[in-house]
Amino acid sequence: MKEAKELFVKNGFSRLKRTHNYYKVDHDFYTVIYFQRKSDGSAYFVNVAFIPSFWSRDC
């Protein structure tokens, strides 16, 4: 995960608190990358979301 952190931070992503989750605001979109670890720790799943900044919780 150290290499992933270096890669994302180098490319302008911010880390969400002390997790392995990253986000970046670019133009009118949030890009979110969420690493989900398998319960036995043998693998990670990568979830990616592109969310328009005008989207709100009230939609």
N, C-alpha and C. Protein backbone atom coordinates (compact mmCIF):
# COMPACT_ATOMS: atom_id res chain seq x y z
N MET A 1 0.82 -1.20 0.00
CA MET A 1 0.00 0.00 0.00
C MET A 1 0.86 1.27 0.00
N LYS A 2 2.11 1.14 0.43
CA LYS A 2 2.99 2.31 0.42
C LYS A 2 3.18 2.84 -0.99
N GLU A 3 3.36 1.93 -1.95
CA GLU A 3 3.54 2.36 -3.34
C GLU A 3 2.29 3.03 -3.88
N ALA A 4 1.12 2.51 -3.51
CA ALA A 4 -0.14 3.12 -3.95
C ALA A 4 -0.27 4.53 -3.39
N LYS A 5 0.05 4.70 -2.11
CA LYS A 5 -0.02 6.02 -1.48
C LYS A 5 0.88 7.01 -2.22
N GLU A 6 2.11 6.61 -2.48
CA GLU A 6 3.04 7.49 -3.18
C GLU A 6 2.53 7.87 -4.56
N LEU A 7 1.97 6.90 -5.28
CA LEU A 7 1.45 7.14 -6.62
C LEU A 7 0.29 8.13 -6.59
N PHE A 8 -0.68 7.92 -5.69
CA PHE A 8 -1.85 8.79 -5.64
C PHE A 8 -1.50 10.20 -5.17
N VAL A 9 -0.68 10.30 -4.14
CA VAL A 9 -0.29 11.63 -3.64
C VAL A 9 0.50 12.38 -4.72
N LYS A 10 1.37 11.68 -5.43
CA LYS A 10 2.15 12.30 -6.50
C LYS A 10 1.24 12.85 -7.61
N ASN A 11 0.07 12.22 -7.81
CA ASN A 11 -0.86 12.63 -8.86
C ASN A 11 -2.00 13.49 -8.34
N GLY A 12 -1.81 14.12 -7.18
CA GLY A 12 -2.76 15.12 -6.70
C GLY A 12 -3.92 14.62 -5.87
N PHE A 13 -3.92 13.36 -5.47
CA PHE A 13 -4.98 12.84 -4.63
C PHE A 13 -4.69 13.15 -3.17
N SER A 14 -5.74 13.28 -2.40
CA SER A 14 -5.62 13.46 -0.95
C SER A 14 -6.10 12.19 -0.27
N ARG A 15 -5.49 11.90 0.86
CA ARG A 15 -5.84 10.70 1.61
C ARG A 15 -6.96 11.02 2.60
N LEU A 16 -7.94 10.15 2.71
CA LEU A 16 -9.03 10.34 3.66
C LEU A 16 -8.59 9.82 5.02
N LYS A 17 -8.34 10.74 5.93
CA LYS A 17 -7.89 10.43 7.29
C LYS A 17 -6.77 9.41 7.27
N ARG A 18 -6.82 8.37 8.07
CA ARG A 18 -5.76 7.36 8.11
C ARG A 18 -6.20 6.07 7.45
N THR A 19 -6.85 6.18 6.31
CA THR A 19 -7.34 5.01 5.59
C THR A 19 -6.54 4.82 4.31
N HIS A 20 -6.90 3.83 3.54
CA HIS A 20 -6.30 3.63 2.23
C HIS A 20 -7.25 4.12 1.14
N ASN A 21 -7.96 5.19 1.43
CA ASN A 21 -8.92 5.77 0.50
C ASN A 21 -8.43 7.15 0.08
N TYR A 22 -8.64 7.47 -1.19
CA TYR A 22 -8.12 8.71 -1.75
C TYR A 22 -9.19 9.42 -2.56
N TYR A 23 -9.08 10.74 -2.64
CA TYR A 23 -10.00 11.51 -3.46
C TYR A 23 -9.26 12.67 -4.12
N LYS A 24 -9.85 13.15 -5.21
CA LYS A 24 -9.29 14.28 -5.94
C LYS A 24 -10.44 15.06 -6.55
N VAL A 25 -10.40 16.37 -6.43
CA VAL A 25 -11.38 17.23 -7.08
C VAL A 25 -10.74 17.76 -8.35
N ASP A 26 -11.36 17.48 -9.48
CA ASP A 26 -10.82 17.89 -10.77
C ASP A 26 -11.96 18.44 -11.61
N HIS A 27 -11.89 19.72 -11.89
CA HIS A 27 -12.95 20.43 -12.62
C HIS A 27 -14.25 20.27 -11.85
N ASP A 28 -15.25 19.63 -12.40
CA ASP A 28 -16.54 19.52 -11.73
C ASP A 28 -16.80 18.11 -11.20
N PHE A 29 -15.75 17.33 -10.96
CA PHE A 29 -15.93 15.96 -10.50
C PHE A 29 -15.02 15.63 -9.33
N TYR A 30 -15.55 14.79 -8.46
CA TYR A 30 -14.74 14.15 -7.42
C TYR A 30 -14.37 12.77 -7.95
N THR A 31 -13.12 12.42 -7.84
CA THR A 31 -12.69 11.06 -8.14
C THR A 31 -12.34 10.42 -6.80
N VAL A 32 -12.96 9.30 -6.50
CA VAL A 32 -12.74 8.61 -5.23
C VAL A 32 -12.24 7.20 -5.52
N ILE A 33 -11.18 6.83 -4.82
CA ILE A 33 -10.63 5.48 -4.95
C ILE A 33 -10.64 4.86 -3.56
N TYR A 34 -11.31 3.72 -3.45
CA TYR A 34 -11.51 3.05 -2.18
C TYR A 34 -10.95 1.63 -2.27
N PHE A 35 -9.99 1.32 -1.42
CA PHE A 35 -9.42 -0.02 -1.37
C PHE A 35 -10.15 -0.83 -0.31
N GLN A 36 -10.72 -1.92 -0.72
CA GLN A 36 -11.48 -2.79 0.17
C GLN A 36 -10.71 -4.10 0.33
N ARG A 37 -10.30 -4.39 1.56
CA ARG A 37 -9.51 -5.59 1.80
C ARG A 37 -10.41 -6.80 2.03
N LYS A 38 -10.06 -7.91 1.42
CA LYS A 38 -10.78 -9.16 1.61
C LYS A 38 -10.65 -9.57 3.07
N SER A 39 -11.70 -10.17 3.64
CA SER A 39 -11.73 -10.46 5.07
C SER A 39 -10.56 -11.31 5.55
N ASP A 40 -10.03 -12.18 4.70
CA ASP A 40 -8.89 -12.99 5.13
C ASP A 40 -7.55 -12.31 4.83
N GLY A 41 -7.60 -11.10 4.26
CA GLY A 41 -6.39 -10.31 4.01
C GLY A 41 -5.59 -10.74 2.81
N SER A 42 -6.10 -11.66 2.02
CA SER A 42 -5.32 -12.19 0.90
C SER A 42 -5.40 -11.34 -0.37
N ALA A 43 -6.31 -10.38 -0.42
CA ALA A 43 -6.47 -9.58 -1.64
C ALA A 43 -7.14 -8.26 -1.31
N TYR A 44 -6.99 -7.32 -2.24
CA TYR A 44 -7.69 -6.04 -2.16
C TYR A 44 -8.57 -5.90 -3.39
N PHE A 45 -9.70 -5.24 -3.20
CA PHE A 45 -10.58 -4.88 -4.30
C PHE A 45 -10.52 -3.36 -4.43
N VAL A 46 -10.55 -2.87 -5.65
CA VAL A 46 -10.46 -1.43 -5.87
C VAL A 46 -11.80 -0.93 -6.39
N ASN A 47 -12.38 0.01 -5.66
CA ASN A 47 -13.63 0.64 -6.06
C ASN A 47 -13.32 2.06 -6.49
N VAL A 48 -13.84 2.46 -7.64
CA VAL A 48 -13.59 3.79 -8.18
C VAL A 48 -14.92 4.47 -8.46
N ALA A 49 -15.01 5.74 -8.08
CA ALA A 49 -16.25 6.50 -8.33
C ALA A 49 -15.89 7.86 -8.90
N PHE A 50 -16.69 8.31 -9.85
CA PHE A 50 -16.60 9.66 -10.40
C PHE A 50 -17.92 10.34 -10.08
N ILE A 51 -17.87 11.35 -9.22
CA ILE A 51 -19.10 11.97 -8.73
C ILE A 51 -19.10 13.44 -9.15
N PRO A 52 -20.14 13.88 -9.85
CA PRO A 52 -20.20 15.30 -10.22
C PRO A 52 -20.33 16.17 -8.98
N SER A 53 -19.62 17.28 -8.95
CA SER A 53 -19.62 18.13 -7.76
C SER A 53 -20.96 18.80 -7.51
N PHE A 54 -21.81 18.90 -8.53
CA PHE A 54 -23.12 19.52 -8.32
C PHE A 54 -24.12 18.55 -7.71
N TRP A 55 -23.76 17.27 -7.63
CA TRP A 55 -24.62 16.26 -7.03
C TRP A 55 -24.67 16.48 -5.52
N SER A 56 -25.83 16.37 -4.94
CA SER A 56 -25.94 16.56 -3.49
C SER A 56 -26.70 15.40 -2.88
N ARG A 57 -26.71 15.33 -1.58
CA ARG A 57 -27.41 14.26 -0.88
C ARG A 57 -28.92 14.35 -1.05
N ASP A 58 -29.40 15.53 -1.44
CA ASP A 58 -30.85 15.73 -1.58
C ASP A 58 -31.38 15.20 -2.89
N CYS A 59 -30.51 14.76 -3.80
CA CYS A 59 -30.96 14.28 -5.13
C CYS A 59 -31.65 12.95 -5.01
